[in-house]
Amino acid sequence: MAANATPKQVAYALYLLDEAGYDTRYMNSSFASLGATMKQRSGSVEHWLESMNRVEISRLIDRLKEDDD
């Protein structure tokens, strides 16, 4: 089993989401394009990020950084 996302990863992902124009408090339909399920989108962004493992959040961070370029 992979380890959970680190607090640093969560904070960085929140920063990148904010820079990309995503809501950083509440999930909405725009998070579907980032792989969030409908059930996950009913919670908070921070909880969704914290529930990821290190590989998943690393992929999300890489994707957000790519989209920023």
C-alpha atoms as a PDB file:
ATOM      1  CA  MET A   1       0.000   0.000   0.000  1.00  0.00           C
ATOM      2  CA  ALA A   2       1.331   3.410  -0.946  1.00  0.00           C
ATOM      3  CA  ALA A   3       1.871   6.054   1.706  1.00  0.00           C
ATOM      4  CA  ASN A   4      -0.548   8.949   2.072  1.00  0.00           C
ATOM      5  CA  ALA A   5       0.131  12.337   0.525  1.00  0.00           C
ATOM      6  CA  THR A   6       2.422  14.466   2.657  1.00  0.00           C
ATOM      7  CA  PRO A   7       1.274  17.803   4.107  1.00  0.00           C
ATOM      8  CA  LYS A   8       3.807  19.528   1.827  1.00  0.00           C
ATOM      9  CA  GLN A   9       2.326  17.852  -1.246  1.00  0.00           C
ATOM     10  CA  VAL A  10      -1.202  18.812  -0.178  1.00  0.00           C
ATOM     11  CA  ALA A  11      -0.171  22.443   0.376  1.00  0.00           C
ATOM     12  CA  TYR A  12       1.612  22.603  -2.983  1.00  0.00           C
ATOM     13  CA  ALA A  13      -1.330  21.021  -4.803  1.00  0.00           C
ATOM     14  CA  LEU A  14      -3.685  23.553  -3.179  1.00  0.00           C
ATOM     15  CA  TYR A  15      -1.405  26.356  -4.351  1.00  0.00           C
ATOM     16  CA  LEU A  16      -1.314  25.012  -7.918  1.00  0.00           C
ATOM     17  CA  LEU A  17      -5.088  24.510  -7.950  1.00  0.00           C
ATOM     18  CA  ASP A  18      -5.569  28.110  -6.827  1.00  0.00           C
ATOM     19  CA  GLU A  19      -3.170  29.360  -9.506  1.00  0.00           C
ATOM     20  CA  ALA A  20      -5.093  27.360 -12.115  1.00  0.00           C
ATOM     21  CA  GLY A  21      -8.377  28.977 -11.044  1.00  0.00           C
ATOM     22  CA  TYR A  22      -9.911  26.061  -9.160  1.00  0.00           C
ATOM     23  CA  ASP A  23     -11.852  26.565  -5.944  1.00  0.00           C
ATOM     24  CA  THR A  24      -9.571  25.477  -3.103  1.00  0.00           C
ATOM     25  CA  ARG A  25     -12.248  25.048  -0.481  1.00  0.00           C
ATOM     26  CA  TYR A  26     -15.171  23.197  -2.028  1.00  0.00           C
ATOM     27  CA  MET A  27     -15.205  20.630  -4.796  1.00  0.00           C
ATOM     28  CA  ASN A  28     -17.323  21.225  -7.900  1.00  0.00           C
ATOM     29  CA  SER A  29     -17.823  19.678 -11.315  1.00  0.00           C
ATOM     30  CA  SER A  30     -14.560  21.159 -12.639  1.00  0.00           C
ATOM     31  CA  PHE A  31     -12.658  18.614 -10.533  1.00  0.00           C
ATOM     32  CA  ALA A  32     -14.039  15.771 -12.663  1.00  0.00           C
ATOM     33  CA  SER A  33     -11.462  16.673 -15.300  1.00  0.00           C
ATOM     34  CA  LEU A  34      -8.779  16.056 -12.656  1.00  0.00           C
ATOM     35  CA  GLY A  35     -10.100  12.585 -11.870  1.00  0.00           C
ATOM     36  CA  ALA A  36     -12.323  13.273  -8.861  1.00  0.00           C
ATOM     37  CA  THR A  37     -15.335  10.985  -8.640  1.00  0.00           C
ATOM     38  CA  MET A  38     -18.828  12.300  -7.996  1.00  0.00           C
ATOM     39  CA  LYS A  39     -18.640  11.034  -4.404  1.00  0.00           C
ATOM     40  CA  GLN A  40     -15.294  12.794  -3.859  1.00  0.00           C
ATOM     41  CA  ARG A  41     -16.693  16.020  -5.304  1.00  0.00           C
ATOM     42  CA  SER A  42     -19.190  16.212  -2.446  1.00  0.00           C
ATOM     43  CA  GLY A  43     -16.365  16.908   0.038  1.00  0.00           C
ATOM     44  CA  SER A  44     -13.664  19.493   0.510  1.00  0.00           C
ATOM     45  CA  VAL A  45     -10.687  19.939  -1.781  1.00  0.00           C
ATOM     46  CA  GLU A  46      -8.266  19.461   1.101  1.00  0.00           C
ATOM     47  CA  HIS A  47      -9.898  16.180   2.150  1.00  0.00           C
ATOM     48  CA  TRP A  48      -9.720  14.912  -1.457  1.00  0.00           C
ATOM     49  CA  LEU A  49      -6.011  15.740  -1.638  1.00  0.00           C
ATOM     50  CA  GLU A  50      -5.293  14.212   1.776  1.00  0.00           C
ATOM     51  CA  SER A  51      -7.045  10.990   0.748  1.00  0.00           C
ATOM     52  CA  MET A  52      -4.661  10.539  -2.184  1.00  0.00           C
ATOM     53  CA  ASN A  53      -1.524   8.455  -1.933  1.00  0.00           C
ATOM     54  CA  ARG A  54       1.863   9.944  -2.817  1.00  0.00           C
ATOM     55  CA  VAL A  55       1.813   8.645  -6.377  1.00  0.00           C
ATOM     56  CA  GLU A  56      -1.666  10.011  -7.099  1.00  0.00           C
ATOM     57  CA  ILE A  57      -0.945  13.471  -5.725  1.00  0.00           C
ATOM     58  CA  SER A  58       2.421  13.572  -7.512  1.00  0.00           C
ATOM     59  CA  ARG A  59       0.620  12.886 -10.798  1.00  0.00           C
ATOM     60  CA  LEU A  60      -1.907  15.613 -10.036  1.00  0.00           C
ATOM     61  CA  ILE A  61       0.881  18.086  -9.232  1.00  0.00           C
ATOM     62  CA  ASP A  62       2.688  17.182 -12.461  1.00  0.00           C
ATOM     63  CA  ARG A  63      -0.518  17.666 -14.446  1.00  0.00           C
ATOM     64  CA  LEU A  64      -1.222  21.051 -12.847  1.00  0.00           C
ATOM     65  CA  LYS A  65       2.355  22.168 -13.500  1.00  0.00           C
ATOM     66  CA  GLU A  66       2.074  21.057 -17.161  1.00  0.00           C
ATOM     67  CA  ASP A  67      -1.180  22.968 -17.575  1.00  0.00           C
ATOM     68  CA  ASP A  68       0.529  26.046 -16.133  1.00  0.00           C
ATOM     69  CA  ASP A  69       3.202  26.074 -18.871  1.00  0.00           C
END
